[in-house]
Amino acid sequence: MSGIGNLLRELRGKESLREASKRIGISHTYLDTIEKGYDKRSGKEVSPSPDTLKLISSAYNYPYKKLLILSGYIDDDNEVEDEEKRKATIIDKIKTEFPDADPMFNDLASFTADDMEEVYDYIKYIKSKKDKKGD
């Protein structure tokens, strides 16, 4: 099984191939092929297209860039690590500056650092509006 295949099987968990493939928007046989890493008819290695990875990313709420790296489309692991560090820094900043803000940080795993900056700016904006009202 390929690295991407192992990850997809782990992300799918106990969900059936048919349920997961329906949610992703691909056939269950194709999802099975991707998870195995090869086409059982031809024996050739299979790598999902970037468009398929985008569907998978959305369905599993998993970072698209990480899927691209595992599939060999991007070589720069440092870029993802830097992105993750930047996201963590922004989350820490939000938690420190706005302790009463209770965003669901676990649900933001697929957000980019730029998305997180927007979340921070939005919380900052809401807080300023609230402060102006005297709440």
N, C-alpha and C. Protein backbone atom coordinates (compact mmCIF):
# COMPACT_ATOMS: atom_id res chain seq x y z
N MET A 1 0.83 -1.18 0.00
CA MET A 1 0.00 0.00 0.00
C MET A 1 0.88 1.25 0.00
N SER A 2 0.45 2.26 -0.71
CA SER A 2 1.22 3.49 -0.80
C SER A 2 1.01 4.37 0.42
N GLY A 3 1.88 5.39 0.56
CA GLY A 3 1.74 6.34 1.66
C GLY A 3 0.39 7.03 1.64
N ILE A 4 -0.03 7.47 0.46
CA ILE A 4 -1.34 8.13 0.34
C ILE A 4 -2.44 7.12 0.63
N GLY A 5 -2.25 5.88 0.20
CA GLY A 5 -3.25 4.84 0.45
C GLY A 5 -3.43 4.56 1.93
N ASN A 6 -2.31 4.47 2.65
CA ASN A 6 -2.38 4.26 4.10
C ASN A 6 -3.12 5.40 4.78
N LEU A 7 -2.80 6.61 4.39
CA LEU A 7 -3.45 7.77 4.98
C LEU A 7 -4.95 7.76 4.70
N LEU A 8 -5.33 7.49 3.46
CA LEU A 8 -6.75 7.50 3.10
C LEU A 8 -7.52 6.42 3.86
N ARG A 9 -6.92 5.28 4.00
CA ARG A 9 -7.57 4.21 4.77
C ARG A 9 -7.74 4.64 6.23
N GLU A 10 -6.72 5.29 6.77
CA GLU A 10 -6.79 5.79 8.15
C GLU A 10 -7.87 6.87 8.28
N LEU A 11 -7.92 7.80 7.32
CA LEU A 11 -8.91 8.87 7.37
C LEU A 11 -10.34 8.31 7.22
N ARG A 12 -10.48 7.29 6.42
CA ARG A 12 -11.80 6.68 6.20
C ARG A 12 -12.28 5.96 7.45
N GLY A 13 -11.33 5.41 8.21
CA GLY A 13 -11.69 4.72 9.44
C GLY A 13 -12.63 3.55 9.19
N LYS A 14 -13.74 3.52 9.91
CA LYS A 14 -14.69 2.41 9.80
C LYS A 14 -15.76 2.67 8.74
N GLU A 15 -15.70 3.82 8.12
CA GLU A 15 -16.65 4.14 7.06
C GLU A 15 -16.40 3.19 5.87
N SER A 16 -17.45 2.71 5.26
CA SER A 16 -17.29 1.79 4.14
C SER A 16 -16.72 2.53 2.93
N LEU A 17 -16.13 1.76 2.02
CA LEU A 17 -15.61 2.33 0.77
C LEU A 17 -16.73 3.04 0.01
N ARG A 18 -17.90 2.41 -0.05
CA ARG A 18 -19.02 3.00 -0.79
C ARG A 18 -19.48 4.32 -0.16
N GLU A 19 -19.59 4.37 1.16
CA GLU A 19 -20.00 5.60 1.83
C GLU A 19 -18.97 6.71 1.61
N ALA A 20 -17.72 6.37 1.81
CA ALA A 20 -16.65 7.36 1.65
C ALA A 20 -16.56 7.84 0.21
N SER A 21 -16.64 6.93 -0.73
CA SER A 21 -16.52 7.33 -2.14
C SER A 21 -17.68 8.22 -2.57
N LYS A 22 -18.86 7.94 -2.05
CA LYS A 22 -20.03 8.77 -2.36
C LYS A 22 -19.80 10.19 -1.82
N ARG A 23 -19.28 10.27 -0.59
CA ARG A 23 -19.01 11.57 0.03
C ARG A 23 -17.92 12.33 -0.72
N ILE A 24 -16.92 11.61 -1.20
CA ILE A 24 -15.81 12.23 -1.94
C ILE A 24 -16.25 12.65 -3.33
N GLY A 25 -17.06 11.78 -3.98
CA GLY A 25 -17.49 12.06 -5.34
C GLY A 25 -16.73 11.26 -6.39
N ILE A 26 -16.22 10.09 -5.96
CA ILE A 26 -15.52 9.18 -6.88
C ILE A 26 -16.12 7.79 -6.70
N SER A 27 -15.81 6.87 -7.60
CA SER A 27 -16.35 5.52 -7.48
C SER A 27 -15.66 4.76 -6.34
N HIS A 28 -16.36 3.80 -5.78
CA HIS A 28 -15.77 3.02 -4.70
C HIS A 28 -14.61 2.16 -5.20
N THR A 29 -14.68 1.74 -6.47
CA THR A 29 -13.57 0.95 -7.01
C THR A 29 -12.32 1.82 -7.17
N TYR A 30 -12.51 3.08 -7.54
CA TYR A 30 -11.36 3.98 -7.68
C TYR A 30 -10.76 4.29 -6.31
N LEU A 31 -11.61 4.52 -5.31
CA LEU A 31 -11.10 4.77 -3.96
C LEU A 31 -10.32 3.55 -3.47
N ASP A 32 -10.84 2.37 -3.71
CA ASP A 32 -10.14 1.14 -3.32
C ASP A 32 -8.78 1.05 -4.01
N THR A 33 -8.77 1.40 -5.30
CA THR A 33 -7.52 1.36 -6.07
C THR A 33 -6.51 2.36 -5.51
N ILE A 34 -6.97 3.56 -5.18
CA ILE A 34 -6.07 4.57 -4.61
C ILE A 34 -5.52 4.08 -3.28
N GLU A 35 -6.39 3.53 -2.43
CA GLU A 35 -5.94 3.04 -1.13
C GLU A 35 -4.91 1.92 -1.26
N LYS A 36 -5.09 1.07 -2.25
CA LYS A 36 -4.14 -0.03 -2.46
C LYS A 36 -2.85 0.46 -3.12
N GLY A 37 -2.96 1.54 -3.90
CA GLY A 37 -1.78 2.12 -4.53
C GLY A 37 -1.47 1.55 -5.91
N TYR A 38 -2.27 0.61 -6.36
CA TYR A 38 -2.05 0.04 -7.69
C TYR A 38 -3.38 -0.45 -8.25
N ASP A 39 -3.43 -0.54 -9.56
CA ASP A 39 -4.61 -1.04 -10.26
C ASP A 39 -4.47 -2.56 -10.34
N LYS A 40 -5.42 -3.27 -9.74
CA LYS A 40 -5.30 -4.74 -9.70
C LYS A 40 -5.43 -5.39 -11.07
N ARG A 41 -6.04 -4.67 -12.02
CA ARG A 41 -6.17 -5.24 -13.38
C ARG A 41 -4.85 -5.17 -14.13
N SER A 42 -4.16 -4.02 -13.99
CA SER A 42 -2.91 -3.84 -14.74
C SER A 42 -1.67 -4.07 -13.90
N GLY A 43 -1.83 -3.97 -12.57
CA GLY A 43 -0.69 -4.08 -11.68
C GLY A 43 0.14 -2.82 -11.61
N LYS A 44 -0.29 -1.77 -12.31
CA LYS A 44 0.46 -0.51 -12.34
C LYS A 44 0.10 0.37 -11.15
N GLU A 45 1.11 1.13 -10.72
CA GLU A 45 0.93 2.08 -9.63
C GLU A 45 -0.09 3.14 -10.03
N VAL A 46 -0.90 3.55 -9.06
CA VAL A 46 -1.93 4.56 -9.30
C VAL A 46 -1.67 5.76 -8.40
N SER A 47 -1.75 6.94 -9.00
CA SER A 47 -1.64 8.17 -8.23
C SER A 47 -2.82 9.06 -8.60
N PRO A 48 -3.61 9.47 -7.62
CA PRO A 48 -4.77 10.30 -7.93
C PRO A 48 -4.35 11.66 -8.49
N SER A 49 -5.20 12.23 -9.33
CA SER A 49 -4.92 13.54 -9.91
C SER A 49 -5.08 14.63 -8.84
N PRO A 50 -4.51 15.81 -9.08
CA PRO A 50 -4.71 16.91 -8.13
C PRO A 50 -6.19 17.24 -7.92
N ASP A 51 -7.01 17.10 -8.97
CA ASP A 51 -8.45 17.35 -8.82
C ASP A 51 -9.09 16.33 -7.87
N THR A 52 -8.69 15.08 -7.99
CA THR A 52 -9.21 14.04 -7.09
C THR A 52 -8.73 14.30 -5.67
N LEU A 53 -7.48 14.73 -5.53
CA LEU A 53 -6.95 15.04 -4.20
C LEU A 53 -7.71 16.20 -3.56
N LYS A 54 -8.15 17.15 -4.38
CA LYS A 54 -8.93 18.28 -3.88
C LYS A 54 -10.27 17.77 -3.31
N LEU A 55 -10.91 16.84 -4.02
CA LEU A 55 -12.16 16.25 -3.54
C LEU A 55 -11.93 15.50 -2.22
N ILE A 56 -10.85 14.75 -2.18
CA ILE A 56 -10.52 13.98 -0.97
C ILE A 56 -10.24 14.93 0.19
N SER A 57 -9.49 15.98 -0.07
CA SER A 57 -9.17 16.97 0.95
C SER A 57 -10.43 17.56 1.56
N SER A 58 -11.35 17.90 0.70
CA SER A 58 -12.61 18.49 1.16
C SER A 58 -13.45 17.49 1.95
N ALA A 59 -13.56 16.28 1.44
CA ALA A 59 -14.38 15.25 2.09
C ALA A 59 -13.84 14.85 3.46
N TYR A 60 -12.52 14.76 3.58
CA TYR A 60 -11.91 14.32 4.83
C TYR A 60 -11.43 15.48 5.70
N ASN A 61 -11.64 16.71 5.22
CA ASN A 61 -11.18 17.89 5.96
C ASN A 61 -9.68 17.75 6.29
N TYR A 62 -8.91 17.43 5.26
CA TYR A 62 -7.47 17.20 5.41
C TYR A 62 -6.73 18.15 4.48
N PRO A 63 -5.60 18.72 4.92
CA PRO A 63 -4.89 19.71 4.10
C PRO A 63 -4.51 19.20 2.71
N TYR A 64 -4.95 19.94 1.72
CA TYR A 64 -4.71 19.62 0.31
C TYR A 64 -3.22 19.52 0.01
N LYS A 65 -2.43 20.46 0.54
CA LYS A 65 -0.98 20.45 0.28
C LYS A 65 -0.32 19.17 0.77
N LYS A 66 -0.77 18.67 1.90
CA LYS A 66 -0.18 17.43 2.41
C LYS A 66 -0.49 16.26 1.49
N LEU A 67 -1.70 16.25 0.93
CA LEU A 67 -2.04 15.20 -0.03
C LEU A 67 -1.20 15.32 -1.29
N LEU A 68 -0.96 16.55 -1.73
CA LEU A 68 -0.12 16.77 -2.91
C LEU A 68 1.30 16.27 -2.66
N ILE A 69 1.82 16.50 -1.49
CA ILE A 69 3.17 16.04 -1.14
C ILE A 69 3.22 14.52 -1.12
N LEU A 70 2.26 13.89 -0.44
CA LEU A 70 2.24 12.43 -0.37
C LEU A 70 2.10 11.79 -1.74
N SER A 71 1.42 12.47 -2.65
CA SER A 71 1.24 11.93 -4.00
C SER A 71 2.37 12.28 -4.94
N GLY A 72 3.35 13.05 -4.46
CA GLY A 72 4.52 13.37 -5.27
C GLY A 72 4.38 14.59 -6.17
N TYR A 73 3.32 15.37 -6.00
CA TYR A 73 3.15 16.57 -6.82
C TYR A 73 3.97 17.74 -6.29
N ILE A 74 4.23 17.75 -4.98
CA ILE A 74 5.02 18.81 -4.34
C ILE A 74 6.13 18.13 -3.55
N ASP A 75 7.36 18.64 -3.67
CA ASP A 75 8.49 18.05 -2.96
C ASP A 75 8.83 18.76 -1.65
N ASP A 76 8.32 19.96 -1.45
CA ASP A 76 8.78 20.79 -0.34
C ASP A 76 8.00 20.52 0.95
N ASP A 77 8.52 19.60 1.77
CA ASP A 77 7.90 19.34 3.07
C ASP A 77 8.02 20.54 3.99
N ASN A 78 9.09 21.33 3.84
CA ASN A 78 9.28 22.49 4.71
C ASN A 78 8.17 23.51 4.54
N GLU A 79 7.64 23.62 3.33
CA GLU A 79 6.55 24.57 3.09
C GLU A 79 5.34 24.23 3.96
N VAL A 80 5.01 22.94 4.06
CA VAL A 80 3.88 22.52 4.88
C VAL A 80 4.20 22.73 6.36
N GLU A 81 5.42 22.40 6.77
CA GLU A 81 5.80 22.61 8.17
C GLU A 81 5.72 24.09 8.53
N ASP A 82 6.21 24.96 7.64
CA ASP A 82 6.14 26.40 7.90
C ASP A 82 4.69 26.86 7.99
N GLU A 83 3.85 26.34 7.13
CA GLU A 83 2.43 26.68 7.14
C GLU A 83 1.79 26.25 8.46
N GLU A 84 2.11 25.05 8.92
CA GLU A 84 1.55 24.55 10.18
C GLU A 84 2.02 25.39 11.37
N LYS A 85 3.29 25.77 11.35
CA LYS A 85 3.82 26.63 12.43
C LYS A 85 3.13 27.98 12.42
N ARG A 86 2.93 28.53 11.23
CA ARG A 86 2.25 29.82 11.11
C ARG A 86 0.81 29.73 11.63
N LYS A 87 0.11 28.65 11.28
CA LYS A 87 -1.25 28.46 11.78
C LYS A 87 -1.27 28.36 13.30
N ALA A 88 -0.34 27.60 13.86
CA ALA A 88 -0.28 27.45 15.31
C ALA A 88 -0.02 28.78 15.99
N THR A 89 0.84 29.60 15.40
CA THR A 89 1.14 30.92 15.95
C THR A 89 -0.11 31.80 15.95
N ILE A 90 -0.86 31.75 14.87
CA ILE A 90 -2.08 32.56 14.78
C ILE A 90 -3.12 32.08 15.78
N ILE A 91 -3.27 30.77 15.93
CA ILE A 91 -4.21 30.23 16.91
C ILE A 91 -3.82 30.67 18.31
N ASP A 92 -2.53 30.60 18.64
CA ASP A 92 -2.06 31.06 19.95
C ASP A 92 -2.36 32.54 20.14
N LYS A 93 -2.16 33.32 19.09
CA LYS A 93 -2.43 34.76 19.16
C LYS A 93 -3.92 35.01 19.44
N ILE A 94 -4.79 34.27 18.77
CA ILE A 94 -6.24 34.42 18.99
C ILE A 94 -6.59 34.04 20.43
N LYS A 95 -6.07 32.92 20.88
CA LYS A 95 -6.37 32.46 22.24
C LYS A 95 -5.87 33.44 23.29
N THR A 96 -4.71 34.06 23.04
CA THR A 96 -4.13 35.00 24.00
C THR A 96 -4.88 36.33 24.00
N GLU A 97 -5.10 36.88 22.81
CA GLU A 97 -5.73 38.20 22.71
C GLU A 97 -7.23 38.17 22.95
N PHE A 98 -7.86 37.05 22.65
CA PHE A 98 -9.31 36.95 22.78
C PHE A 98 -9.69 35.67 23.52
N PRO A 99 -9.39 35.63 24.81
CA PRO A 99 -9.65 34.40 25.56
C PRO A 99 -11.12 34.00 25.59
N ASP A 100 -12.02 34.99 25.39
CA ASP A 100 -13.44 34.66 25.39
C ASP A 100 -13.93 34.15 24.04
N ALA A 101 -13.09 34.28 23.01
CA ALA A 101 -13.45 33.75 21.69
C ALA A 101 -13.31 32.24 21.76
N ASP A 102 -14.31 31.55 21.31
CA ASP A 102 -14.28 30.11 21.42
C ASP A 102 -14.46 29.44 20.07
N PRO A 103 -13.58 29.78 19.09
CA PRO A 103 -13.73 29.08 17.80
C PRO A 103 -13.38 27.61 17.96
N MET A 104 -13.92 26.83 17.10
CA MET A 104 -13.68 25.38 17.17
C MET A 104 -12.39 25.07 16.42
N PHE A 105 -11.26 25.22 17.11
CA PHE A 105 -9.95 25.09 16.47
C PHE A 105 -9.73 23.72 15.85
N ASN A 106 -10.29 22.66 16.42
CA ASN A 106 -10.11 21.33 15.83
C ASN A 106 -10.78 21.22 14.47
N ASP A 107 -11.83 22.01 14.24
CA ASP A 107 -12.53 21.97 12.95
C ASP A 107 -11.83 22.81 11.90
N LEU A 108 -10.75 23.48 12.26
CA LEU A 108 -10.07 24.36 11.33
C LEU A 108 -8.82 23.72 10.74
N ALA A 109 -8.68 22.42 10.85
CA ALA A 109 -7.47 21.73 10.39
C ALA A 109 -7.18 21.95 8.91
N SER A 110 -8.23 22.08 8.12
CA SER A 110 -8.00 22.24 6.68
C SER A 110 -7.77 23.69 6.27
N PHE A 111 -7.88 24.63 7.22
CA PHE A 111 -7.66 26.03 6.91
C PHE A 111 -6.18 26.29 6.63
N THR A 112 -5.91 27.20 5.73
CA THR A 112 -4.53 27.63 5.50
C THR A 112 -4.20 28.70 6.53
N ALA A 113 -2.93 29.05 6.61
CA ALA A 113 -2.52 30.12 7.51
C ALA A 113 -3.20 31.43 7.10
N ASP A 114 -3.37 31.65 5.80
CA ASP A 114 -4.07 32.85 5.34
C ASP A 114 -5.52 32.85 5.82
N ASP A 115 -6.17 31.67 5.78
CA ASP A 115 -7.53 31.55 6.31
C ASP A 115 -7.54 31.90 7.79
N MET A 116 -6.54 31.40 8.52
CA MET A 116 -6.47 31.66 9.95
C MET A 116 -6.27 33.15 10.23
N GLU A 117 -5.50 33.83 9.38
CA GLU A 117 -5.34 35.28 9.51
C GLU A 117 -6.69 35.96 9.37
N GLU A 118 -7.51 35.49 8.43
CA GLU A 118 -8.84 36.07 8.25
C GLU A 118 -9.71 35.81 9.47
N VAL A 119 -9.61 34.62 10.06
CA VAL A 119 -10.35 34.32 11.29
C VAL A 119 -9.92 35.29 12.39
N TYR A 120 -8.62 35.48 12.52
CA TYR A 120 -8.10 36.42 13.52
C TYR A 120 -8.64 37.83 13.28
N ASP A 121 -8.56 38.30 12.04
CA ASP A 121 -9.05 39.64 11.73
C ASP A 121 -10.54 39.77 12.01
N TYR A 122 -11.30 38.72 11.71
CA TYR A 122 -12.74 38.76 11.95
C TYR A 122 -13.03 38.82 13.44
N ILE A 123 -12.35 38.01 14.23
CA ILE A 123 -12.55 38.04 15.69
C ILE A 123 -12.19 39.42 16.23
N LYS A 124 -11.10 39.97 15.72
CA LYS A 124 -10.66 41.30 16.14
C LYS A 124 -11.75 42.34 15.80
N TYR A 125 -12.33 42.23 14.61
CA TYR A 125 -13.38 43.14 14.17
C TYR A 125 -14.61 43.01 15.08
N ILE A 126 -15.06 41.80 15.33
CA ILE A 126 -16.23 41.56 16.19
C ILE A 126 -15.98 42.10 17.59
N LYS A 127 -14.78 41.87 18.10
CA LYS A 127 -14.42 42.35 19.45
C LYS A 127 -14.48 43.87 19.49
N SER A 128 -13.98 44.53 18.45
CA SER A 128 -14.00 46.00 18.43
C SER A 128 -15.43 46.51 18.39
N LYS A 129 -16.30 45.86 17.64
CA LYS A 129 -17.72 46.24 17.57
C LYS A 129 -18.38 46.07 18.94
N LYS A 130 -18.06 44.97 19.59
CA LYS A 130 -18.61 44.68 20.90
C LYS A 130 -18.14 45.71 21.92
N ASP A 131 -16.85 46.07 21.85
CA ASP A 131 -16.29 47.07 22.76
C ASP A 131 -16.92 48.44 22.56
N LYS A 132 -17.23 48.80 21.32
CA LYS A 132 -17.85 50.08 21.01
C LYS A 132 -19.26 50.17 21.59
N LYS A 133 -19.96 49.04 21.62
CA LYS A 133 -21.31 48.99 22.17
C LYS A 133 -21.30 49.03 23.69
N GLY A 134 -20.14 48.71 24.25
CA GLY A 134 -20.00 48.71 25.71
C GLY A 134 -20.44 47.42 26.34
N ASP A 135 -20.51 46.35 25.57
CA ASP A 135 -20.92 45.03 26.10
C ASP A 135 -19.84 44.44 26.95
